mmCIF file of all heavy atoms, coordinates in Angstrom:
data_MODEL
# 
_entry.id   MODEL 
# 
loop_
_atom_site.group_PDB 
_atom_site.id 
_atom_site.type_symbol 
_atom_site.label_atom_id 
_atom_site.label_alt_id 
_atom_site.label_comp_id 
_atom_site.label_asym_id 
_atom_site.label_entity_id 
_atom_site.label_seq_id 
_atom_site.pdbx_PDB_ins_code 
_atom_site.Cartn_x 
_atom_site.Cartn_y 
_atom_site.Cartn_z 
_atom_site.occupancy 
_atom_site.B_iso_or_equiv 
_atom_site.pdbx_formal_charge 
_atom_site.auth_seq_id 
_atom_site.auth_comp_id 
_atom_site.auth_asym_id 
_atom_site.auth_atom_id 
_atom_site.pdbx_PDB_model_num 
ATOM 1   N N   . ALA A 1 1  ? 110.150 192.430 114.227 1.00 0.00 ? 1  ALA A N   1 
ATOM 2   C CA  . ALA A 1 1  ? 110.143 191.744 115.514 1.00 0.00 ? 1  ALA A CA  1 
ATOM 3   C C   . ALA A 1 1  ? 109.690 190.298 115.358 1.00 0.00 ? 1  ALA A C   1 
ATOM 4   O O   . ALA A 1 1  ? 110.226 189.381 115.985 1.00 0.00 ? 1  ALA A O   1 
ATOM 5   C CB  . ALA A 1 1  ? 109.225 192.483 116.489 1.00 0.00 ? 1  ALA A CB  1 
ATOM 6   N N   . VAL A 1 2  ? 108.666 190.097 114.503 1.00 0.00 ? 2  VAL A N   1 
ATOM 7   C CA  . VAL A 1 2  ? 108.164 188.739 114.265 1.00 0.00 ? 2  VAL A CA  1 
ATOM 8   C C   . VAL A 1 2  ? 109.247 187.873 113.623 1.00 0.00 ? 2  VAL A C   1 
ATOM 9   O O   . VAL A 1 2  ? 109.460 186.721 114.002 1.00 0.00 ? 2  VAL A O   1 
ATOM 10  C CB  . VAL A 1 2  ? 106.906 188.783 113.372 1.00 0.00 ? 2  VAL A CB  1 
ATOM 11  C CG1 . VAL A 1 2  ? 106.522 187.384 112.930 1.00 0.00 ? 2  VAL A CG1 1 
ATOM 12  C CG2 . VAL A 1 2  ? 105.747 189.428 114.127 1.00 0.00 ? 2  VAL A CG2 1 
ATOM 13  N N   . LEU A 1 3  ? 109.955 188.426 112.614 1.00 0.00 ? 3  LEU A N   1 
ATOM 14  C CA  . LEU A 1 3  ? 111.028 187.679 111.940 1.00 0.00 ? 3  LEU A CA  1 
ATOM 15  C C   . LEU A 1 3  ? 112.147 187.328 112.914 1.00 0.00 ? 3  LEU A C   1 
ATOM 16  O O   . LEU A 1 3  ? 112.689 186.210 112.879 1.00 0.00 ? 3  LEU A O   1 
ATOM 17  C CB  . LEU A 1 3  ? 111.587 188.509 110.775 1.00 0.00 ? 3  LEU A CB  1 
ATOM 18  C CG  . LEU A 1 3  ? 110.688 188.626 109.543 1.00 0.00 ? 3  LEU A CG  1 
ATOM 19  C CD1 . LEU A 1 3  ? 111.295 189.606 108.539 1.00 0.00 ? 3  LEU A CD1 1 
ATOM 20  C CD2 . LEU A 1 3  ? 110.487 187.251 108.881 1.00 0.00 ? 3  LEU A CD2 1 
ATOM 21  N N   . LEU A 1 4  ? 112.502 188.266 113.781 1.00 0.00 ? 4  LEU A N   1 
ATOM 22  C CA  . LEU A 1 4  ? 113.562 188.024 114.754 1.00 0.00 ? 4  LEU A CA  1 
ATOM 23  C C   . LEU A 1 4  ? 113.167 186.919 115.717 1.00 0.00 ? 4  LEU A C   1 
ATOM 24  O O   . LEU A 1 4  ? 113.964 186.034 116.032 1.00 0.00 ? 4  LEU A O   1 
ATOM 25  C CB  . LEU A 1 4  ? 113.852 189.318 115.520 1.00 0.00 ? 4  LEU A CB  1 
ATOM 26  C CG  . LEU A 1 4  ? 115.007 189.252 116.544 1.00 0.00 ? 4  LEU A CG  1 
ATOM 27  C CD1 . LEU A 1 4  ? 116.313 188.915 115.828 1.00 0.00 ? 4  LEU A CD1 1 
ATOM 28  C CD2 . LEU A 1 4  ? 115.131 190.576 117.280 1.00 0.00 ? 4  LEU A CD2 1 
ATOM 29  N N   . ALA A 1 5  ? 111.917 186.948 116.154 1.00 0.00 ? 5  ALA A N   1 
ATOM 30  C CA  . ALA A 1 5  ? 111.430 185.923 117.073 1.00 0.00 ? 5  ALA A CA  1 
ATOM 31  C C   . ALA A 1 5  ? 111.411 184.555 116.404 1.00 0.00 ? 5  ALA A C   1 
ATOM 32  O O   . ALA A 1 5  ? 111.756 183.535 117.003 1.00 0.00 ? 5  ALA A O   1 
ATOM 33  C CB  . ALA A 1 5  ? 110.035 186.287 117.573 1.00 0.00 ? 5  ALA A CB  1 
ATOM 34  N N   . ALA A 1 6  ? 111.008 184.541 115.124 1.00 0.00 ? 6  ALA A N   1 
ATOM 35  C CA  . ALA A 1 6  ? 110.942 183.260 114.398 1.00 0.00 ? 6  ALA A CA  1 
ATOM 36  C C   . ALA A 1 6  ? 112.338 182.673 114.201 1.00 0.00 ? 6  ALA A C   1 
ATOM 37  O O   . ALA A 1 6  ? 112.544 181.468 114.330 1.00 0.00 ? 6  ALA A O   1 
ATOM 38  C CB  . ALA A 1 6  ? 110.265 183.478 113.045 1.00 0.00 ? 6  ALA A CB  1 
ATOM 39  N N   . THR A 1 7  ? 113.293 183.551 113.898 1.00 0.00 ? 7  THR A N   1 
ATOM 40  C CA  . THR A 1 7  ? 114.671 183.083 113.705 1.00 0.00 ? 7  THR A CA  1 
ATOM 41  C C   . THR A 1 7  ? 115.231 182.519 115.003 1.00 0.00 ? 7  THR A C   1 
ATOM 42  O O   . THR A 1 7  ? 115.910 181.494 115.006 1.00 0.00 ? 7  THR A O   1 
ATOM 43  C CB  . THR A 1 7  ? 115.564 184.246 113.228 1.00 0.00 ? 7  THR A CB  1 
ATOM 44  O OG1 . THR A 1 7  ? 115.036 184.750 112.007 1.00 0.00 ? 7  THR A OG1 1 
ATOM 45  C CG2 . THR A 1 7  ? 117.000 183.782 113.002 1.00 0.00 ? 7  THR A CG2 1 
ATOM 46  N N   . ALA A 1 8  ? 114.949 183.181 116.087 1.00 0.00 ? 8  ALA A N   1 
ATOM 47  C CA  . ALA A 1 8  ? 115.443 182.731 117.386 1.00 0.00 ? 8  ALA A CA  1 
ATOM 48  C C   . ALA A 1 8  ? 114.854 181.382 117.764 1.00 0.00 ? 8  ALA A C   1 
ATOM 49  O O   . ALA A 1 8  ? 115.460 180.593 118.500 1.00 0.00 ? 8  ALA A O   1 
ATOM 50  C CB  . ALA A 1 8  ? 115.119 183.767 118.459 1.00 0.00 ? 8  ALA A CB  1 
ATOM 51  N N   . ALA A 1 9  ? 113.657 181.104 117.258 1.00 0.00 ? 9  ALA A N   1 
ATOM 52  C CA  . ALA A 1 9  ? 112.994 179.846 117.598 1.00 0.00 ? 9  ALA A CA  1 
ATOM 53  C C   . ALA A 1 9  ? 113.545 178.665 116.831 1.00 0.00 ? 9  ALA A C   1 
ATOM 54  O O   . ALA A 1 9  ? 113.327 177.512 117.194 1.00 0.00 ? 9  ALA A O   1 
ATOM 55  C CB  . ALA A 1 9  ? 111.492 179.973 117.334 1.00 0.00 ? 9  ALA A CB  1 
ATOM 56  N N   . LEU A 1 10 ? 114.286 178.923 115.728 1.00 0.00 ? 10 LEU A N   1 
ATOM 57  C CA  . LEU A 1 10 ? 114.838 177.821 114.936 1.00 0.00 ? 10 LEU A CA  1 
ATOM 58  C C   . LEU A 1 10 ? 115.941 177.119 115.716 1.00 0.00 ? 10 LEU A C   1 
ATOM 59  O O   . LEU A 1 10 ? 116.687 177.748 116.466 1.00 0.00 ? 10 LEU A O   1 
ATOM 60  C CB  . LEU A 1 10 ? 115.429 178.373 113.618 1.00 0.00 ? 10 LEU A CB  1 
ATOM 61  C CG  . LEU A 1 10 ? 114.430 178.918 112.611 1.00 0.00 ? 10 LEU A CG  1 
ATOM 62  C CD1 . LEU A 1 10 ? 115.187 179.551 111.431 1.00 0.00 ? 10 LEU A CD1 1 
ATOM 63  C CD2 . LEU A 1 10 ? 113.496 177.814 112.106 1.00 0.00 ? 10 LEU A CD2 1 
ATOM 64  N N   . PRO A 1 11 ? 116.089 175.781 115.540 1.00 0.00 ? 11 PRO A N   1 
ATOM 65  C CA  . PRO A 1 11 ? 117.146 175.066 116.244 1.00 0.00 ? 11 PRO A CA  1 
ATOM 66  C C   . PRO A 1 11 ? 118.528 175.513 115.782 1.00 0.00 ? 11 PRO A C   1 
ATOM 67  O O   . PRO A 1 11 ? 118.772 175.695 114.597 1.00 0.00 ? 11 PRO A O   1 
ATOM 68  C CB  . PRO A 1 11 ? 116.901 173.587 115.857 1.00 0.00 ? 11 PRO A CB  1 
ATOM 69  C CG  . PRO A 1 11 ? 116.126 173.648 114.570 1.00 0.00 ? 11 PRO A CG  1 
ATOM 70  C CD  . PRO A 1 11 ? 115.299 174.883 114.666 1.00 0.00 ? 11 PRO A CD  1 
ATOM 71  N N   . ALA A 1 12 ? 119.440 175.708 116.720 1.00 0.00 ? 12 ALA A N   1 
ATOM 72  C CA  . ALA A 1 12 ? 120.795 176.164 116.393 1.00 0.00 ? 12 ALA A CA  1 
ATOM 73  C C   . ALA A 1 12 ? 121.637 175.004 115.901 1.00 0.00 ? 12 ALA A C   1 
ATOM 74  O O   . ALA A 1 12 ? 121.473 173.879 116.325 1.00 0.00 ? 12 ALA A O   1 
ATOM 75  C CB  . ALA A 1 12 ? 121.440 176.779 117.629 1.00 0.00 ? 12 ALA A CB  1 
ATOM 76  N N   . GLN A 1 13 ? 122.541 175.288 114.973 1.00 0.00 ? 13 GLN A N   1 
ATOM 77  C CA  . GLN A 1 13 ? 123.488 174.301 114.472 1.00 0.00 ? 13 GLN A CA  1 
ATOM 78  C C   . GLN A 1 13 ? 124.666 174.296 115.445 1.00 0.00 ? 13 GLN A C   1 
ATOM 79  O O   . GLN A 1 13 ? 125.595 175.067 115.319 1.00 0.00 ? 13 GLN A O   1 
ATOM 80  C CB  . GLN A 1 13 ? 123.965 174.672 113.061 1.00 0.00 ? 13 GLN A CB  1 
ATOM 81  C CG  . GLN A 1 13 ? 124.951 173.693 112.439 1.00 0.00 ? 13 GLN A CG  1 
ATOM 82  C CD  . GLN A 1 13 ? 124.251 172.594 111.697 1.00 0.00 ? 13 GLN A CD  1 
ATOM 83  O OE1 . GLN A 1 13 ? 123.051 172.638 111.509 1.00 0.00 ? 13 GLN A OE1 1 
ATOM 84  N NE2 . GLN A 1 13 ? 124.996 171.610 111.247 1.00 0.00 ? 13 GLN A NE2 1 
ATOM 85  N N   . ALA A 1 14 ? 124.604 173.427 116.438 1.00 0.00 ? 14 ALA A N   1 
ATOM 86  C CA  . ALA A 1 14 ? 125.628 173.414 117.473 1.00 0.00 ? 14 ALA A CA  1 
ATOM 87  C C   . ALA A 1 14 ? 126.914 172.804 116.937 1.00 0.00 ? 14 ALA A C   1 
ATOM 88  O O   . ALA A 1 14 ? 126.890 171.739 116.326 1.00 0.00 ? 14 ALA A O   1 
ATOM 89  C CB  . ALA A 1 14 ? 125.125 172.631 118.680 1.00 0.00 ? 14 ALA A CB  1 
ATOM 90  N N   . GLU A 1 15 ? 128.022 173.482 117.176 1.00 0.00 ? 15 GLU A N   1 
ATOM 91  C CA  . GLU A 1 15 ? 129.322 172.954 116.772 1.00 0.00 ? 15 GLU A CA  1 
ATOM 92  C C   . GLU A 1 15 ? 130.064 172.494 118.024 1.00 0.00 ? 15 GLU A C   1 
ATOM 93  O O   . GLU A 1 15 ? 130.204 173.244 118.980 1.00 0.00 ? 15 GLU A O   1 
ATOM 94  C CB  . GLU A 1 15 ? 130.148 174.020 116.047 1.00 0.00 ? 15 GLU A CB  1 
ATOM 95  C CG  . GLU A 1 15 ? 131.499 173.492 115.589 1.00 0.00 ? 15 GLU A CG  1 
ATOM 96  C CD  . GLU A 1 15 ? 132.360 174.582 114.959 1.00 0.00 ? 15 GLU A CD  1 
ATOM 97  O OE1 . GLU A 1 15 ? 132.298 175.729 115.443 1.00 0.00 ? 15 GLU A OE1 1 
ATOM 98  O OE2 . GLU A 1 15 ? 133.088 174.284 114.005 1.00 0.00 ? 15 GLU A OE2 1 
ATOM 99  N N   . THR A 1 16 ? 130.488 171.242 118.020 1.00 0.00 ? 16 THR A N   1 
ATOM 100 C CA  . THR A 1 16 ? 131.244 170.698 119.135 1.00 0.00 ? 16 THR A CA  1 
ATOM 101 C C   . THR A 1 16 ? 132.725 170.911 118.874 1.00 0.00 ? 16 THR A C   1 
ATOM 102 O O   . THR A 1 16 ? 133.260 170.413 117.877 1.00 0.00 ? 16 THR A O   1 
ATOM 103 C CB  . THR A 1 16 ? 130.959 169.185 119.295 1.00 0.00 ? 16 THR A CB  1 
ATOM 104 O OG1 . THR A 1 16 ? 129.558 168.994 119.527 1.00 0.00 ? 16 THR A OG1 1 
ATOM 105 C CG2 . THR A 1 16 ? 131.755 168.608 120.452 1.00 0.00 ? 16 THR A CG2 1 
ATOM 106 N N   . ARG A 1 17 ? 133.373 171.644 119.750 1.00 0.00 ? 17 ARG A N   1 
ATOM 107 C CA  . ARG A 1 17 ? 134.802 171.930 119.582 1.00 0.00 ? 17 ARG A CA  1 
ATOM 108 C C   . ARG A 1 17 ? 135.611 171.056 120.541 1.00 0.00 ? 17 ARG A C   1 
ATOM 109 O O   . ARG A 1 17 ? 135.292 170.958 121.721 1.00 0.00 ? 17 ARG A O   1 
ATOM 110 C CB  . ARG A 1 17 ? 135.085 173.408 119.843 1.00 0.00 ? 17 ARG A CB  1 
ATOM 111 C CG  . ARG A 1 17 ? 134.464 174.337 118.798 1.00 0.00 ? 17 ARG A CG  1 
ATOM 112 C CD  . ARG A 1 17 ? 134.814 175.786 119.066 1.00 0.00 ? 17 ARG A CD  1 
ATOM 113 N NE  . ARG A 1 17 ? 134.307 176.652 118.023 1.00 0.00 ? 17 ARG A NE  1 
ATOM 114 C CZ  . ARG A 1 17 ? 134.954 176.910 116.886 1.00 0.00 ? 17 ARG A CZ  1 
ATOM 115 N NH1 . ARG A 1 17 ? 136.144 176.369 116.675 1.00 0.00 ? 17 ARG A NH1 1 
ATOM 116 N NH2 . ARG A 1 17 ? 134.428 177.720 115.982 1.00 0.00 ? 17 ARG A NH2 1 
ATOM 117 N N   . VAL A 1 18 ? 136.656 170.448 120.004 1.00 0.00 ? 18 VAL A N   1 
ATOM 118 C CA  . VAL A 1 18 ? 137.501 169.548 120.781 1.00 0.00 ? 18 VAL A CA  1 
ATOM 119 C C   . VAL A 1 18 ? 138.963 169.887 120.524 1.00 0.00 ? 18 VAL A C   1 
ATOM 120 O O   . VAL A 1 18 ? 139.344 170.203 119.389 1.00 0.00 ? 18 VAL A O   1 
ATOM 121 C CB  . VAL A 1 18 ? 137.230 168.069 120.404 1.00 0.00 ? 18 VAL A CB  1 
ATOM 122 C CG1 . VAL A 1 18 ? 138.222 167.138 121.084 1.00 0.00 ? 18 VAL A CG1 1 
ATOM 123 C CG2 . VAL A 1 18 ? 135.803 167.683 120.765 1.00 0.00 ? 18 VAL A CG2 1 
ATOM 124 N N   . THR A 1 19 ? 139.777 169.830 121.564 1.00 0.00 ? 19 THR A N   1 
ATOM 125 C CA  . THR A 1 19 ? 141.229 169.967 121.424 1.00 0.00 ? 19 THR A CA  1 
ATOM 126 C C   . THR A 1 19 ? 141.850 168.590 121.597 1.00 0.00 ? 19 THR A C   1 
ATOM 127 O O   . THR A 1 19 ? 141.607 167.911 122.603 1.00 0.00 ? 19 THR A O   1 
ATOM 128 C CB  . THR A 1 19 ? 141.803 170.917 122.492 1.00 0.00 ? 19 THR A CB  1 
ATOM 129 O OG1 . THR A 1 19 ? 141.243 172.220 122.299 1.00 0.00 ? 19 THR A OG1 1 
ATOM 130 C CG2 . THR A 1 19 ? 143.316 171.002 122.384 1.00 0.00 ? 19 THR A CG2 1 
ATOM 131 N N   . TYR A 1 20 ? 142.634 168.169 120.614 1.00 0.00 ? 20 TYR A N   1 
ATOM 132 C CA  . TYR A 1 20 ? 143.255 166.835 120.619 1.00 0.00 ? 20 TYR A CA  1 
ATOM 133 C C   . TYR A 1 20 ? 144.759 167.013 120.759 1.00 0.00 ? 20 TYR A C   1 
ATOM 134 O O   . TYR A 1 20 ? 145.415 167.580 119.884 1.00 0.00 ? 20 TYR A O   1 
ATOM 135 C CB  . TYR A 1 20 ? 142.914 166.111 119.316 1.00 0.00 ? 20 TYR A CB  1 
ATOM 136 C CG  . TYR A 1 20 ? 143.404 164.685 119.215 1.00 0.00 ? 20 TYR A CG  1 
ATOM 137 C CD1 . TYR A 1 20 ? 142.567 163.616 119.524 1.00 0.00 ? 20 TYR A CD1 1 
ATOM 138 C CD2 . TYR A 1 20 ? 144.688 164.396 118.777 1.00 0.00 ? 20 TYR A CD2 1 
ATOM 139 C CE1 . TYR A 1 20 ? 142.996 162.300 119.410 1.00 0.00 ? 20 TYR A CE1 1 
ATOM 140 C CE2 . TYR A 1 20 ? 145.135 163.080 118.658 1.00 0.00 ? 20 TYR A CE2 1 
ATOM 141 C CZ  . TYR A 1 20 ? 144.277 162.048 118.971 1.00 0.00 ? 20 TYR A CZ  1 
ATOM 142 O OH  . TYR A 1 20 ? 144.717 160.745 118.850 1.00 0.00 ? 20 TYR A OH  1 
ATOM 143 N N   . LYS A 1 21 ? 145.319 166.546 121.864 1.00 0.00 ? 21 LYS A N   1 
ATOM 144 C CA  . LYS A 1 21 ? 146.751 166.722 122.144 1.00 0.00 ? 21 LYS A CA  1 
ATOM 145 C C   . LYS A 1 21 ? 147.424 165.355 122.120 1.00 0.00 ? 21 LYS A C   1 
ATOM 146 O O   . LYS A 1 21 ? 147.032 164.444 122.845 1.00 0.00 ? 21 LYS A O   1 
ATOM 147 C CB  . LYS A 1 21 ? 146.949 167.384 123.504 1.00 0.00 ? 21 LYS A CB  1 
ATOM 148 C CG  . LYS A 1 21 ? 148.338 167.985 123.690 1.00 0.00 ? 21 LYS A CG  1 
ATOM 149 C CD  . LYS A 1 21 ? 148.390 168.785 124.983 1.00 0.00 ? 21 LYS A CD  1 
ATOM 150 C CE  . LYS A 1 21 ? 149.694 169.544 125.144 1.00 0.00 ? 21 LYS A CE  1 
ATOM 151 N NZ  . LYS A 1 21 ? 149.784 170.724 124.280 1.00 0.00 ? 21 LYS A NZ  1 
ATOM 152 N N   . SER A 1 22 ? 148.467 165.244 121.282 1.00 0.00 ? 22 SER A N   1 
ATOM 153 C CA  . SER A 1 22 ? 149.051 163.928 121.094 1.00 0.00 ? 22 SER A CA  1 
ATOM 154 C C   . SER A 1 22 ? 150.560 163.913 121.261 1.00 0.00 ? 22 SER A C   1 
ATOM 155 O O   . SER A 1 22 ? 151.084 163.430 122.253 1.00 0.00 ? 22 SER A O   1 
ATOM 156 C CB  . SER A 1 22 ? 148.674 163.384 119.705 1.00 0.00 ? 22 SER A CB  1 
ATOM 157 O OG  . SER A 1 22 ? 149.229 162.112 119.507 1.00 0.00 ? 22 SER A OG  1 
ATOM 158 N N   . ALA A 1 23 ? 151.309 164.431 120.278 1.00 0.00 ? 23 ALA A N   1 
ATOM 159 C CA  . ALA A 1 23 ? 152.760 164.271 120.276 1.00 0.00 ? 23 ALA A CA  1 
ATOM 160 C C   . ALA A 1 23 ? 153.414 165.405 119.489 1.00 0.00 ? 23 ALA A C   1 
ATOM 161 O O   . ALA A 1 23 ? 152.751 166.355 119.080 1.00 0.00 ? 23 ALA A O   1 
ATOM 162 C CB  . ALA A 1 23 ? 153.119 162.914 119.680 1.00 0.00 ? 23 ALA A CB  1 
ATOM 163 N N   . LYS A 1 24 ? 154.737 165.290 119.266 1.00 0.00 ? 24 LYS A N   1 
ATOM 164 C CA  . LYS A 1 24 ? 155.454 166.288 118.486 1.00 0.00 ? 24 LYS A CA  1 
ATOM 165 C C   . LYS A 1 24 ? 155.001 166.260 117.032 1.00 0.00 ? 24 LYS A C   1 
ATOM 166 O O   . LYS A 1 24 ? 154.595 165.215 116.515 1.00 0.00 ? 24 LYS A O   1 
ATOM 167 C CB  . LYS A 1 24 ? 156.961 166.041 118.578 1.00 0.00 ? 24 LYS A CB  1 
ATOM 168 C CG  . LYS A 1 24 ? 157.523 166.266 119.972 1.00 0.00 ? 24 LYS A CG  1 
ATOM 169 C CD  . LYS A 1 24 ? 159.026 166.058 120.004 1.00 0.00 ? 24 LYS A CD  1 
ATOM 170 C CE  . LYS A 1 24 ? 159.585 166.310 121.397 1.00 0.00 ? 24 LYS A CE  1 
ATOM 171 N NZ  . LYS A 1 24 ? 161.059 166.106 121.440 1.00 0.00 ? 24 LYS A NZ  1 
ATOM 172 N N   . THR A 1 25 ? 155.109 167.383 116.365 1.00 0.00 ? 25 THR A N   1 
ATOM 173 C CA  . THR A 1 25 ? 154.589 167.496 114.996 1.00 0.00 ? 25 THR A CA  1 
ATOM 174 C C   . THR A 1 25 ? 155.268 166.540 114.022 1.00 0.00 ? 25 THR A C   1 
ATOM 175 O O   . THR A 1 25 ? 154.669 166.139 113.029 1.00 0.00 ? 25 THR A O   1 
ATOM 176 C CB  . THR A 1 25 ? 154.753 168.936 114.474 1.00 0.00 ? 25 THR A CB  1 
ATOM 177 O OG1 . THR A 1 25 ? 156.122 169.342 114.625 1.00 0.00 ? 25 THR A OG1 1 
ATOM 178 C CG2 . THR A 1 25 ? 153.855 169.888 115.236 1.00 0.00 ? 25 THR A CG2 1 
ATOM 179 N N   . ALA A 1 26 ? 156.521 166.168 114.293 1.00 0.00 ? 26 ALA A N   1 
ATOM 180 C CA  . ALA A 1 26 ? 157.245 165.295 113.366 1.00 0.00 ? 26 ALA A CA  1 
ATOM 181 C C   . ALA A 1 26 ? 156.888 163.828 113.544 1.00 0.00 ? 26 ALA A C   1 
ATOM 182 O O   . ALA A 1 26 ? 157.310 162.981 112.746 1.00 0.00 ? 26 ALA A O   1 
ATOM 183 C CB  . ALA A 1 26 ? 158.755 165.470 113.550 1.00 0.00 ? 26 ALA A CB  1 
# 
């Protein structure tokens, strides 16, 4: 329980997801 609590307290590595829409593949 202590290990689980300690892990939860660590800062998360947040991943920013973006969709980029531009033009035809060619």
